[in-house]
Amino acid sequence: MNVDYPYRIDGRGHTGETTNADHVRDMIELVLFTRPGERVNRPAFGSGLLQLVFAPLGDNLTAATQFLVQGALQQWLGDVIAVEAVEVTRDDATLRVLVQYVVRRTQQRLVSEFTQNV
């Protein structure tokens, strides 16, 4: 059973479940948008992505952001996925992250987009 994120109660009154592919996507989203220090028992967990949102835009920041995100995904989900590409863009108040990855268990190649208002 894979618990759905965000946590919900389904129509039967049980914990909401999700597919394996959606569960992996949920785990990626948690790594991307959790700030280091936000989790009490895992203070290093997260990517630090949201801290870079207010830095001045430029080629160096774009490269550093993609490197940061890819490193965090490898650190926290390296046994679950193989990250092939990461693209981070910002449009006004919306942060968009595109992640291309392979689920190690199934060898399924997926591309997921994540957005966050900042």
PDB file of N, CA and C in Angstrom:
ATOM      1  N   MET A   1       0.841  -1.186   0.000  1.00  0.00           N
ATOM      2  CA  MET A   1       0.000   0.000   0.000  1.00  0.00           C
ATOM      3  C   MET A   1       0.884   1.246   0.000  1.00  0.00           C
ATOM      4  N   ASN A   2       0.558   2.200  -0.825  1.00  0.00           N
ATOM      5  CA  ASN A   2       1.236   3.492  -0.858  1.00  0.00           C
ATOM      6  C   ASN A   2       0.275   4.565  -0.361  1.00  0.00           C
ATOM      7  N   VAL A   3       0.652   5.268   0.674  1.00  0.00           N
ATOM      8  CA  VAL A   3      -0.166   6.339   1.231  1.00  0.00           C
ATOM      9  C   VAL A   3      -0.098   7.538   0.292  1.00  0.00           C
ATOM     10  N   ASP A   4      -1.262   8.097  -0.033  1.00  0.00           N
ATOM     11  CA  ASP A   4      -1.333   9.246  -0.938  1.00  0.00           C
ATOM     12  C   ASP A   4      -0.888  10.516  -0.224  1.00  0.00           C
ATOM     13  N   TYR A   5      -0.291  11.417  -0.984  1.00  0.00           N
ATOM     14  CA  TYR A   5       0.128  12.717  -0.474  1.00  0.00           C
ATOM     15  C   TYR A   5      -0.547  13.785  -1.317  1.00  0.00           C
ATOM     16  N   PRO A   6      -1.133  14.812  -0.758  1.00  0.00           N
ATOM     17  CA  PRO A   6      -1.267  15.019   0.674  1.00  0.00           C
ATOM     18  C   PRO A   6      -2.212  13.984   1.283  1.00  0.00           C
ATOM     19  N   TYR A   7      -1.992  13.759   2.566  1.00  0.00           N
ATOM     20  CA  TYR A   7      -2.767  12.753   3.287  1.00  0.00           C
ATOM     21  C   TYR A   7      -4.249  13.062   3.159  1.00  0.00           C
ATOM     22  N   ARG A   8      -5.024  12.007   2.938  1.00  0.00           N
ATOM     23  CA  ARG A   8      -6.473  12.175   2.815  1.00  0.00           C
ATOM     24  C   ARG A   8      -7.171  10.907   3.294  1.00  0.00           C
ATOM     25  N   ILE A   9      -8.447  11.033   3.560  1.00  0.00           N
ATOM     26  CA  ILE A   9      -9.304   9.897   3.897  1.00  0.00           C
ATOM     27  C   ILE A   9     -10.148   9.616   2.659  1.00  0.00           C
ATOM     28  N   ASP A  10     -10.186   8.352   2.207  1.00  0.00           N
ATOM     29  CA  ASP A  10     -10.958   8.020   1.009  1.00  0.00           C
ATOM     30  C   ASP A  10     -12.448   7.849   1.340  1.00  0.00           C
ATOM     31  N   GLY A  11     -13.235   7.497   0.350  1.00  0.00           N
ATOM     32  CA  GLY A  11     -14.683   7.373   0.506  1.00  0.00           C
ATOM     33  C   GLY A  11     -15.109   6.287   1.468  1.00  0.00           C
ATOM     34  N   ARG A  12     -14.216   5.324   1.745  1.00  0.00           N
ATOM     35  CA  ARG A  12     -14.533   4.246   2.688  1.00  0.00           C
ATOM     36  C   ARG A  12     -14.151   4.600   4.116  1.00  0.00           C
ATOM     37  N   GLY A  13     -13.539   5.756   4.302  1.00  0.00           N
ATOM     38  CA  GLY A  13     -13.091   6.156   5.638  1.00  0.00           C
ATOM     39  C   GLY A  13     -11.693   5.661   5.972  1.00  0.00           C
ATOM     40  N   HIS A  14     -10.965   5.156   4.981  1.00  0.00           N
ATOM     41  CA  HIS A  14      -9.604   4.663   5.171  1.00  0.00           C
ATOM     42  C   HIS A  14      -8.591   5.662   4.648  1.00  0.00           C
ATOM     43  N   THR A  15      -7.336   5.429   4.986  1.00  0.00           N
ATOM     44  CA  THR A  15      -6.259   6.254   4.461  1.00  0.00           C
ATOM     45  C   THR A  15      -6.226   6.133   2.941  1.00  0.00           C
ATOM     46  N   GLY A  16      -6.135   7.270   2.264  1.00  0.00           N
ATOM     47  CA  GLY A  16      -6.102   7.279   0.807  1.00  0.00           C
ATOM     48  C   GLY A  16      -4.857   6.591   0.273  1.00  0.00           C
ATOM     49  N   GLU A  17      -5.029   5.784  -0.768  1.00  0.00           N
ATOM     50  CA  GLU A  17      -3.920   5.066  -1.384  1.00  0.00           C
ATOM     51  C   GLU A  17      -3.655   5.617  -2.776  1.00  0.00           C
ATOM     52  N   THR A  18      -2.485   5.296  -3.310  1.00  0.00           N
ATOM     53  CA  THR A  18      -2.122   5.751  -4.642  1.00  0.00           C
ATOM     54  C   THR A  18      -1.293   4.678  -5.341  1.00  0.00           C
ATOM     55  N   THR A  19      -1.087   4.848  -6.637  1.00  0.00           N
ATOM     56  CA  THR A  19      -0.294   3.895  -7.410  1.00  0.00           C
ATOM     57  C   THR A  19       1.189   4.083  -7.106  1.00  0.00           C
ATOM     58  N   ASN A  20       2.002   3.120  -7.517  1.00  0.00           N
ATOM     59  CA  ASN A  20       3.454   3.225  -7.309  1.00  0.00           C
ATOM     60  C   ASN A  20       4.029   4.451  -8.009  1.00  0.00           C
ATOM     61  N   ALA A  21       3.637   4.689  -9.268  1.00  0.00           N
ATOM     62  CA  ALA A  21       4.161   5.832 -10.021  1.00  0.00           C
ATOM     63  C   ALA A  21       3.792   7.152  -9.341  1.00  0.00           C
ATOM     64  N   ASP A  22       2.550   7.267  -8.864  1.00  0.00           N
ATOM     65  CA  ASP A  22       2.134   8.494  -8.173  1.00  0.00           C
ATOM     66  C   ASP A  22       2.840   8.648  -6.826  1.00  0.00           C
ATOM     67  N   HIS A  23       3.101   7.528  -6.163  1.00  0.00           N
ATOM     68  CA  HIS A  23       3.816   7.578  -4.885  1.00  0.00           C
ATOM     69  C   HIS A  23       5.241   8.101  -5.082  1.00  0.00           C
ATOM     70  N   VAL A  24       5.913   7.652  -6.133  1.00  0.00           N
ATOM     71  CA  VAL A  24       7.259   8.144  -6.437  1.00  0.00           C
ATOM     72  C   VAL A  24       7.197   9.635  -6.744  1.00  0.00           C
ATOM     73  N   ARG A  25       6.202  10.051  -7.516  1.00  0.00           N
ATOM     74  CA  ARG A  25       6.038  11.480  -7.827  1.00  0.00           C
ATOM     75  C   ARG A  25       5.816  12.285  -6.544  1.00  0.00           C
ATOM     76  N   ASP A  26       5.006  11.756  -5.633  1.00  0.00           N
ATOM     77  CA  ASP A  26       4.767  12.430  -4.351  1.00  0.00           C
ATOM     78  C   ASP A  26       6.065  12.575  -3.554  1.00  0.00           C
ATOM     79  N   MET A  27       6.895  11.533  -3.562  1.00  0.00           N
ATOM     80  CA  MET A  27       8.169  11.603  -2.834  1.00  0.00           C
ATOM     81  C   MET A  27       9.081  12.673  -3.429  1.00  0.00           C
ATOM     82  N   ILE A  28       9.101  12.781  -4.758  1.00  0.00           N
ATOM     83  CA  ILE A  28       9.917  13.815  -5.414  1.00  0.00           C
ATOM     84  C   ILE A  28       9.427  15.194  -4.992  1.00  0.00           C
ATOM     85  N   GLU A  29       8.117  15.389  -4.992  1.00  0.00           N
ATOM     86  CA  GLU A  29       7.554  16.677  -4.595  1.00  0.00           C
ATOM     87  C   GLU A  29       7.937  17.039  -3.157  1.00  0.00           C
ATOM     88  N   LEU A  30       7.922  16.061  -2.265  1.00  0.00           N
ATOM     89  CA  LEU A  30       8.309  16.321  -0.879  1.00  0.00           C
ATOM     90  C   LEU A  30       9.766  16.758  -0.773  1.00  0.00           C
ATOM     91  N   VAL A  31      10.654  16.120  -1.514  1.00  0.00           N
ATOM     92  CA  VAL A  31      12.065  16.509  -1.489  1.00  0.00           C
ATOM     93  C   VAL A  31      12.231  17.920  -2.047  1.00  0.00           C
ATOM     94  N   LEU A  32      11.563  18.217  -3.156  1.00  0.00           N
ATOM     95  CA  LEU A  32      11.723  19.518  -3.813  1.00  0.00           C
ATOM     96  C   LEU A  32      11.285  20.682  -2.940  1.00  0.00           C
ATOM     97  N   PHE A  33      10.144  20.546  -2.294  1.00  0.00           N
ATOM     98  CA  PHE A  33       9.547  21.701  -1.623  1.00  0.00           C
ATOM     99  C   PHE A  33       9.647  21.674  -0.105  1.00  0.00           C
ATOM    100  N   THR A  34      10.475  20.791   0.444  1.00  0.00           N
ATOM    101  CA  THR A  34      10.757  20.820   1.875  1.00  0.00           C
ATOM    102  C   THR A  34      12.044  21.598   2.093  1.00  0.00           C
ATOM    103  N   ARG A  35      11.998  22.545   2.997  1.00  0.00           N
ATOM    104  CA  ARG A  35      13.188  23.347   3.312  1.00  0.00           C
ATOM    105  C   ARG A  35      14.061  22.578   4.304  1.00  0.00           C
ATOM    106  N   PRO A  36      15.382  22.555   4.092  1.00  0.00           N
ATOM    107  CA  PRO A  36      16.250  21.937   5.110  1.00  0.00           C
ATOM    108  C   PRO A  36      16.001  22.609   6.467  1.00  0.00           C
ATOM    109  N   GLY A  37      15.886  21.795   7.502  1.00  0.00           N
ATOM    110  CA  GLY A  37      15.590  22.304   8.834  1.00  0.00           C
ATOM    111  C   GLY A  37      14.115  22.257   9.166  1.00  0.00           C
ATOM    112  N   GLU A  38      13.279  21.994   8.187  1.00  0.00           N
ATOM    113  CA  GLU A  38      11.830  21.975   8.399  1.00  0.00           C
ATOM    114  C   GLU A  38      11.373  20.718   9.138  1.00  0.00           C
ATOM    115  N   ARG A  39      12.059  19.618   8.950  1.00  0.00           N
ATOM    116  CA  ARG A  39      11.702  18.356   9.607  1.00  0.00           C
ATOM    117  C   ARG A  39      12.551  18.178  10.857  1.00  0.00           C
ATOM    118  N   VAL A  40      11.903  17.950  11.974  1.00  0.00           N
ATOM    119  CA  VAL A  40      12.579  17.872  13.258  1.00  0.00           C
ATOM    120  C   VAL A  40      13.587  16.721  13.309  1.00  0.00           C
ATOM    121  N   ASN A  41      13.184  15.534  12.920  1.00  0.00           N
ATOM    122  CA  ASN A  41      14.061  14.379  13.030  1.00  0.00           C
ATOM    123  C   ASN A  41      14.983  14.182  11.836  1.00  0.00           C
ATOM    124  N   ARG A  42      14.819  14.958  10.812  1.00  0.00           N
ATOM    125  CA  ARG A  42      15.680  14.905   9.626  1.00  0.00           C
ATOM    126  C   ARG A  42      15.972  16.335   9.185  1.00  0.00           C
ATOM    127  N   PRO A  43      16.786  17.054   9.908  1.00  0.00           N
ATOM    128  CA  PRO A  43      17.006  18.475   9.597  1.00  0.00           C
ATOM    129  C   PRO A  43      17.684  18.719   8.254  1.00  0.00           C
ATOM    130  N   ALA A  44      18.367  17.747   7.698  1.00  0.00           N
ATOM    131  CA  ALA A  44      19.030  17.942   6.400  1.00  0.00           C
ATOM    132  C   ALA A  44      18.117  17.598   5.230  1.00  0.00           C
ATOM    133  N   PHE A  45      16.934  17.033   5.501  1.00  0.00           N
ATOM    134  CA  PHE A  45      16.035  16.614   4.430  1.00  0.00           C
ATOM    135  C   PHE A  45      15.524  17.819   3.647  1.00  0.00           C
ATOM    136  N   GLY A  46      15.448  17.681   2.339  1.00  0.00           N
ATOM    137  CA  GLY A  46      14.912  18.720   1.470  1.00  0.00           C
ATOM    138  C   GLY A  46      15.931  19.141   0.441  1.00  0.00           C
ATOM    139  N   SER A  47      15.554  20.148  -0.345  1.00  0.00           N
ATOM    140  CA  SER A  47      16.434  20.577  -1.433  1.00  0.00           C
ATOM    141  C   SER A  47      16.967  21.995  -1.277  1.00  0.00           C
ATOM    142  N   GLY A  48      16.307  22.838  -0.524  1.00  0.00           N
ATOM    143  CA  GLY A  48      16.730  24.232  -0.437  1.00  0.00           C
ATOM    144  C   GLY A  48      16.288  25.050  -1.633  1.00  0.00           C
ATOM    145  N   LEU A  49      15.476  24.467  -2.485  1.00  0.00           N
ATOM    146  CA  LEU A  49      15.024  25.133  -3.705  1.00  0.00           C
ATOM    147  C   LEU A  49      14.288  26.432  -3.418  1.00  0.00           C
ATOM    148  N   LEU A  50      13.404  26.415  -2.454  1.00  0.00           N
ATOM    149  CA  LEU A  50      12.598  27.605  -2.167  1.00  0.00           C
ATOM    150  C   LEU A  50      13.422  28.755  -1.601  1.00  0.00           C
ATOM    151  N   GLN A  51      14.613  28.476  -1.087  1.00  0.00           N
ATOM    152  CA  GLN A  51      15.475  29.538  -0.573  1.00  0.00           C
ATOM    153  C   GLN A  51      16.149  30.314  -1.704  1.00  0.00           C
ATOM    154  N   LEU A  52      16.245  29.696  -2.881  1.00  0.00           N
ATOM    155  CA  LEU A  52      16.910  30.349  -4.011  1.00  0.00           C
ATOM    156  C   LEU A  52      15.973  31.197  -4.861  1.00  0.00           C
ATOM    157  N   VAL A  53      14.701  31.155  -4.572  1.00  0.00           N
ATOM    158  CA  VAL A  53      13.706  31.839  -5.394  1.00  0.00           C
ATOM    159  C   VAL A  53      13.942  33.334  -5.460  1.00  0.00           C
ATOM    160  N   PHE A  54      14.420  33.925  -4.392  1.00  0.00           N
ATOM    161  CA  PHE A  54      14.548  35.372  -4.342  1.00  0.00           C
ATOM    162  C   PHE A  54      15.941  35.865  -4.737  1.00  0.00           C
ATOM    163  N   ALA A  55      16.818  34.963  -5.126  1.00  0.00           N
ATOM    164  CA  ALA A  55      18.147  35.356  -5.596  1.00  0.00           C
ATOM    165  C   ALA A  55      18.034  35.953  -6.999  1.00  0.00           C
ATOM    166  N   PRO A  56      18.958  36.852  -7.368  1.00  0.00           N
ATOM    167  CA  PRO A  56      18.895  37.458  -8.697  1.00  0.00           C
ATOM    168  C   PRO A  56      19.066  36.389  -9.786  1.00  0.00           C
ATOM    169  N   LEU A  57      18.239  36.515 -10.832  1.00  0.00           N
ATOM    170  CA  LEU A  57      18.296  35.551 -11.928  1.00  0.00           C
ATOM    171  C   LEU A  57      19.584  35.696 -12.724  1.00  0.00           C
ATOM    172  N   GLY A  58      20.034  34.595 -13.273  1.00  0.00           N
ATOM    173  CA  GLY A  58      21.232  34.583 -14.105  1.00  0.00           C
ATOM    174  C   GLY A  58      21.599  33.151 -14.449  1.00  0.00           C
ATOM    175  N   ASP A  59      22.525  33.020 -15.380  1.00  0.00           N
ATOM    176  CA  ASP A  59      22.941  31.682 -15.799  1.00  0.00           C
ATOM    177  C   ASP A  59      23.549  30.885 -14.650  1.00  0.00           C
ATOM    178  N   ASN A  60      24.339  31.557 -13.812  1.00  0.00           N
ATOM    179  CA  ASN A  60      24.967  30.865 -12.685  1.00  0.00           C
ATOM    180  C   ASN A  60      23.933  30.334 -11.698  1.00  0.00           C
ATOM    181  N   LEU A  61      22.907  31.138 -11.421  1.00  0.00           N
ATOM    182  CA  LEU A  61      21.864  30.711 -10.488  1.00  0.00           C
ATOM    183  C   LEU A  61      21.067  29.550 -11.077  1.00  0.00           C
ATOM    184  N   THR A  62      20.777  29.612 -12.360  1.00  0.00           N
ATOM    185  CA  THR A  62      20.035  28.537 -13.009  1.00  0.00           C
ATOM    186  C   THR A  62      20.803  27.222 -12.918  1.00  0.00           C
ATOM    187  N   ALA A  63      22.072  27.249 -13.229  1.00  0.00           N
ATOM    188  CA  ALA A  63      22.905  26.046 -13.167  1.00  0.00           C
ATOM    189  C   ALA A  63      23.018  25.532 -11.734  1.00  0.00           C
ATOM    190  N   ALA A  64      23.216  26.447 -10.789  1.00  0.00           N
ATOM    191  CA  ALA A  64      23.340  26.054  -9.372  1.00  0.00           C
ATOM    192  C   ALA A  64      22.036  25.445  -8.863  1.00  0.00           C
ATOM    193  N   THR A  65      20.913  25.998  -9.265  1.00  0.00           N
ATOM    194  CA  THR A  65      19.618  25.494  -8.833  1.00  0.00           C
ATOM    195  C   THR A  65      19.382  24.083  -9.358  1.00  0.00           C
ATOM    196  N   GLN A  66      19.658  23.869 -10.628  1.00  0.00           N
ATOM    197  CA  GLN A  66      19.475  22.544 -11.210  1.00  0.00           C
ATOM    198  C   GLN A  66      20.405  21.533 -10.553  1.00  0.00           C
ATOM    199  N   PHE A  67      21.626  21.940 -10.275  1.00  0.00           N
ATOM    200  CA  PHE A  67      22.586  21.066  -9.604  1.00  0.00           C
ATOM    201  C   PHE A  67      22.111  20.741  -8.188  1.00  0.00           C
ATOM    202  N   LEU A  68      21.620  21.732  -7.476  1.00  0.00           N
ATOM    203  CA  LEU A  68      21.118  21.561  -6.114  1.00  0.00           C
ATOM    204  C   LEU A  68      19.946  20.582  -6.079  1.00  0.00           C
ATOM    205  N   VAL A  69      19.003  20.772  -6.988  1.00  0.00           N
ATOM    206  CA  VAL A  69      17.817  19.912  -7.039  1.00  0.00           C
ATOM    207  C   VAL A  69      18.210  18.483  -7.392  1.00  0.00           C
ATOM    208  N   GLN A  70      19.052  18.329  -8.398  1.00  0.00           N
ATOM    209  CA  GLN A  70      19.469  16.989  -8.805  1.00  0.00           C
ATOM    210  C   GLN A  70      20.225  16.284  -7.675  1.00  0.00           C
ATOM    211  N   GLY A  71      21.083  17.018  -6.974  1.00  0.00           N
ATOM    212  CA  GLY A  71      21.820  16.438  -5.848  1.00  0.00           C
ATOM    213  C   GLY A  71      20.908  16.004  -4.716  1.00  0.00           C
ATOM    214  N   ALA A  72      19.898  16.820  -4.408  1.00  0.00           N
ATOM    215  CA  ALA A  72      18.958  16.468  -3.335  1.00  0.00           C
ATOM    216  C   ALA A  72      18.140  15.228  -3.708  1.00  0.00           C
ATOM    217  N   LEU A  73      17.726  15.158  -4.962  1.00  0.00           N
ATOM    218  CA  LEU A  73      16.966  13.982  -5.399  1.00  0.00           C
ATOM    219  C   LEU A  73      17.828  12.726  -5.350  1.00  0.00           C
ATOM    220  N   GLN A  74      19.079  12.856  -5.737  1.00  0.00           N
ATOM    221  CA  GLN A  74      19.982  11.707  -5.675  1.00  0.00           C
ATOM    222  C   GLN A  74      20.235  11.287  -4.232  1.00  0.00           C
ATOM    223  N   GLN A  75      20.422  12.259  -3.349  1.00  0.00           N
ATOM    224  CA  GLN A  75      20.698  11.953  -1.952  1.00  0.00           C
ATOM    225  C   GLN A  75      19.522  11.244  -1.285  1.00  0.00           C
ATOM    226  N   TRP A  76      18.314  11.764  -1.462  1.00  0.00           N
ATOM    227  CA  TRP A  76      17.171  11.254  -0.725  1.00  0.00           C
ATOM    228  C   TRP A  76      16.392  10.170  -1.454  1.00  0.00           C
ATOM    229  N   LEU A  77      16.482  10.137  -2.787  1.00  0.00           N
ATOM    230  CA  LEU A  77      15.710   9.151  -3.537  1.00  0.00           C
ATOM    231  C   LEU A  77      16.559   8.339  -4.507  1.00  0.00           C
ATOM    232  N   GLY A  78      17.851   8.347  -4.326  1.00  0.00           N
ATOM    233  CA  GLY A  78      18.758   7.661  -5.237  1.00  0.00           C
ATOM    234  C   GLY A  78      18.510   6.172  -5.358  1.00  0.00           C
ATOM    235  N   ASP A  79      17.962   5.557  -4.328  1.00  0.00           N
ATOM    236  CA  ASP A  79      17.662   4.128  -4.414  1.00  0.00           C
ATOM    237  C   ASP A  79      16.313   3.861  -5.080  1.00  0.00           C
ATOM    238  N   VAL A  80      15.525   4.922  -5.295  1.00  0.00           N
ATOM    239  CA  VAL A  80      14.196   4.784  -5.888  1.00  0.00           C
ATOM    240  C   VAL A  80      14.176   5.220  -7.356  1.00  0.00           C
ATOM    241  N   ILE A  81      14.890   6.326  -7.661  1.00  0.00           N
ATOM    242  CA  ILE A  81      14.884   6.861  -9.024  1.00  0.00           C
ATOM    243  C   ILE A  81      16.298   7.180  -9.489  1.00  0.00           C
ATOM    244  N   ALA A  82      16.448   7.235 -10.810  1.00  0.00           N
ATOM    245  CA  ALA A  82      17.668   7.734 -11.438  1.00  0.00           C
ATOM    246  C   ALA A  82      17.271   9.008 -12.170  1.00  0.00           C
ATOM    247  N   VAL A  83      17.764  10.139 -11.714  1.00  0.00           N
ATOM    248  CA  VAL A  83      17.413  11.423 -12.307  1.00  0.00           C
ATOM    249  C   VAL A  83      18.196  11.592 -13.601  1.00  0.00           C
ATOM    250  N   GLU A  84      17.474  11.901 -14.674  1.00  0.00           N
ATOM    251  CA  GLU A  84      18.113  12.108 -15.968  1.00  0.00           C
ATOM    252  C   GLU A  84      18.259  13.582 -16.304  1.00  0.00           C
ATOM    253  N   ALA A  85      17.282  14.390 -15.925  1.00  0.00           N
ATOM    254  CA  ALA A  85      17.342  15.826 -16.226  1.00  0.00           C
ATOM    255  C   ALA A  85      16.446  16.590 -15.259  1.00  0.00           C
ATOM    256  N   VAL A  86      16.855  17.825 -14.991  1.00  0.00           N
ATOM    257  CA  VAL A  86      16.083  18.732 -14.142  1.00  0.00           C
ATOM    258  C   VAL A  86      16.071  20.090 -14.820  1.00  0.00           C
ATOM    259  N   GLU A  87      14.899  20.697 -14.898  1.00  0.00           N
ATOM    260  CA  GLU A  87      14.774  22.051 -15.442  1.00  0.00           C
ATOM    261  C   GLU A  87      13.968  22.880 -14.456  1.00  0.00           C
ATOM    262  N   VAL A  88      14.521  23.986 -14.010  1.00  0.00           N
ATOM    263  CA  VAL A  88      13.857  24.856 -13.041  1.00  0.00           C
ATOM    264  C   VAL A  88      13.639  26.214 -13.689  1.00  0.00           C
ATOM    265  N   THR A  89      12.397  26.690 -13.682  1.00  0.00           N
ATOM    266  CA  THR A  89      12.085  28.014 -14.219  1.00  0.00           C
ATOM    267  C   THR A  89      11.191  28.746 -13.238  1.00  0.00           C
ATOM    268  N   ARG A  90      11.243  30.074 -13.329  1.00  0.00           N
ATOM    269  CA  ARG A  90      10.408  30.912 -12.469  1.00  0.00           C
ATOM    270  C   ARG A  90       9.667  31.904 -13.342  1.00  0.00           C
ATOM    271  N   ASP A  91       8.360  31.986 -13.148  1.00  0.00           N
ATOM    272  CA  ASP A  91       7.532  32.923 -13.888  1.00  0.00           C
ATOM    273  C   ASP A  91       6.721  33.712 -12.875  1.00  0.00           C
ATOM    274  N   ASP A  92       7.102  34.949 -12.677  1.00  0.00           N
ATOM    275  CA  ASP A  92       6.478  35.801 -11.659  1.00  0.00           C
ATOM    276  C   ASP A  92       6.468  35.092 -10.307  1.00  0.00           C
ATOM    277  N   ALA A  93       5.284  34.717  -9.821  1.00  0.00           N
ATOM    278  CA  ALA A  93       5.197  34.134  -8.487  1.00  0.00           C
ATOM    279  C   ALA A  93       5.085  32.610  -8.513  1.00  0.00           C
ATOM    280  N   THR A  94       5.393  31.993  -9.645  1.00  0.00           N
ATOM    281  CA  THR A  94       5.272  30.539  -9.764  1.00  0.00           C
ATOM    282  C   THR A  94       6.619  29.921 -10.096  1.00  0.00           C
ATOM    283  N   LEU A  95       6.989  28.940  -9.315  1.00  0.00           N
ATOM    284  CA  LEU A  95       8.211  28.177  -9.547  1.00  0.00           C
ATOM    285  C   LEU A  95       7.801  26.875 -10.221  1.00  0.00           C
ATOM    286  N   ARG A  96       8.477  26.541 -11.334  1.00  0.00           N
ATOM    287  CA  ARG A  96       8.151  25.339 -12.099  1.00  0.00           C
ATOM    288  C   ARG A  96       9.391  24.460 -12.167  1.00  0.00           C
ATOM    289  N   VAL A  97       9.239  23.190 -11.796  1.00  0.00           N
ATOM    290  CA  VAL A  97      10.347  22.236 -11.831  1.00  0.00           C
ATOM    291  C   VAL A  97       9.918  21.051 -12.681  1.00  0.00           C
ATOM    292  N   LEU A  98      10.707  20.757 -13.708  1.00  0.00           N
ATOM    293  CA  LEU A  98      10.459  19.618 -14.579  1.00  0.00           C
ATOM    294  C   LEU A  98      11.552  18.591 -14.312  1.00  0.00           C
ATOM    295  N   VAL A  99      11.155  17.375 -13.933  1.00  0.00           N
ATOM    296  CA  VAL A  99      12.115  16.325 -13.594  1.00  0.00           C
ATOM    297  C   VAL A  99      11.876  15.129 -14.513  1.00  0.00           C
ATOM    298  N   GLN A 100      12.943  14.704 -15.187  1.00  0.00           N
ATOM    299  CA  GLN A 100      12.899  13.495 -15.997  1.00  0.00           C
ATOM    300  C   GLN A 100      13.675  12.428 -15.242  1.00  0.00           C
ATOM    301  N   TYR A 101      13.056  11.264 -15.032  1.00  0.00           N
ATOM    302  CA  TYR A 101      13.671  10.241 -14.193  1.00  0.00           C
ATOM    303  C   TYR A 101      13.231   8.843 -14.620  1.00  0.00           C
ATOM    304  N   VAL A 102      13.971   7.854 -14.129  1.00  0.00           N
ATOM    305  CA  VAL A 102      13.634   6.451 -14.341  1.00  0.00           C
ATOM    306  C   VAL A 102      13.380   5.831 -12.971  1.00  0.00           C
ATOM    307  N   VAL A 103      12.228   5.161 -12.828  1.00  0.00           N
ATOM    308  CA  VAL A 103      11.923   4.450 -11.588  1.00  0.00           C
ATOM    309  C   VAL A 103      12.745   3.164 -11.612  1.00  0.00           C
ATOM    310  N   ARG A 104      13.640   3.018 -10.663  1.00  0.00           N
ATOM    311  CA  ARG A 104      14.580   1.892 -10.669  1.00  0.00           C
ATOM    312  C   ARG A 104      13.888   0.526 -10.622  1.00  0.00           C
ATOM    313  N   ARG A 105      12.838   0.403  -9.857  1.00  0.00           N
ATOM    314  CA  ARG A 105      12.188  -0.895  -9.678  1.00  0.00           C
ATOM    315  C   ARG A 105      11.518  -1.397 -10.956  1.00  0.00           C
ATOM    316  N   THR A 106      10.936  -0.462 -11.728  1.00  0.00           N
ATOM    317  CA  THR A 106      10.191  -0.859 -12.926  1.00  0.00           C
ATOM    318  C   THR A 106      10.898  -0.491 -14.233  1.00  0.00           C
ATOM    319  N   GLN A 107      11.958   0.311 -14.131  1.00  0.00           N
ATOM    320  CA  GLN A 107      12.665   0.850 -15.299  1.00  0.00           C
ATOM    321  C   GLN A 107      11.747   1.718 -16.161  1.00  0.00           C
ATOM    322  N   GLN A 108      10.712   2.272 -15.563  1.00  0.00           N
ATOM    323  CA  GLN A 108       9.781   3.149 -16.268  1.00  0.00           C
ATOM    324  C   GLN A 108      10.352   4.562 -16.311  1.00  0.00           C
ATOM    325  N   ARG A 109      10.417   5.140 -17.512  1.00  0.00           N
ATOM    326  CA  ARG A 109      10.924   6.509 -17.697  1.00  0.00           C
ATOM    327  C   ARG A 109       9.740   7.465 -17.620  1.00  0.00           C
ATOM    328  N   LEU A 110       9.837   8.453 -16.730  1.00  0.00           N
ATOM    329  CA  LEU A 110       8.748   9.404 -16.506  1.00  0.00           C
ATOM    330  C   LEU A 110       9.268  10.835 -16.523  1.00  0.00           C
ATOM    331  N   VAL A 111       8.373  11.746 -16.833  1.00  0.00           N
ATOM    332  CA  VAL A 111       8.643  13.168 -16.727  1.00  0.00           C
ATOM    333  C   VAL A 111       7.509  13.768 -15.899  1.00  0.00           C
ATOM    334  N   SER A 112       7.864  14.477 -14.841  1.00  0.00           N
ATOM    335  CA  SER A 112       6.854  15.090 -13.971  1.00  0.00           C
ATOM    336  C   SER A 112       7.139  16.576 -13.827  1.00  0.00           C
ATOM    337  N   GLU A 113       6.077  17.346 -13.791  1.00  0.00           N
ATOM    338  CA  GLU A 113       6.193  18.788 -13.580  1.00  0.00           C
ATOM    339  C   GLU A 113       5.602  19.126 -12.223  1.00  0.00           C
ATOM    340  N   PHE A 114       6.309  19.979 -11.497  1.00  0.00           N
ATOM    341  CA  PHE A 114       5.883  20.408 -10.177  1.00  0.00           C
ATOM    342  C   PHE A 114       5.835  21.929 -10.173  1.00  0.00           C
ATOM    343  N   THR A 115       4.788  22.493  -9.599  1.00  0.00           N
ATOM    344  CA  THR A 115       4.692  23.943  -9.502  1.00  0.00           C
ATOM    345  C   THR A 115       4.432  24.332  -8.051  1.00  0.00           C
ATOM    346  N   GLN A 116       4.929  25.505  -7.716  1.00  0.00           N
ATOM    347  CA  GLN A 116       4.746  26.026  -6.355  1.00  0.00           C
ATOM    348  C   GLN A 116       4.644  27.537  -6.456  1.00  0.00           C
ATOM    349  N   ASN A 117       3.625  28.103  -5.840  1.00  0.00           N
ATOM    350  CA  ASN A 117       3.525  29.566  -5.762  1.00  0.00           C
ATOM    351  C   ASN A 117       4.485  30.049  -4.684  1.00  0.00           C
ATOM    352  N   VAL A 118       5.231  31.089  -4.994  1.00  0.00           N
ATOM    353  CA  VAL A 118       6.200  31.611  -4.039  1.00  0.00           C
ATOM    354  C   VAL A 118       5.922  33.051  -3.699  1.00  0.00           C
TER     355      VAL A 118
END
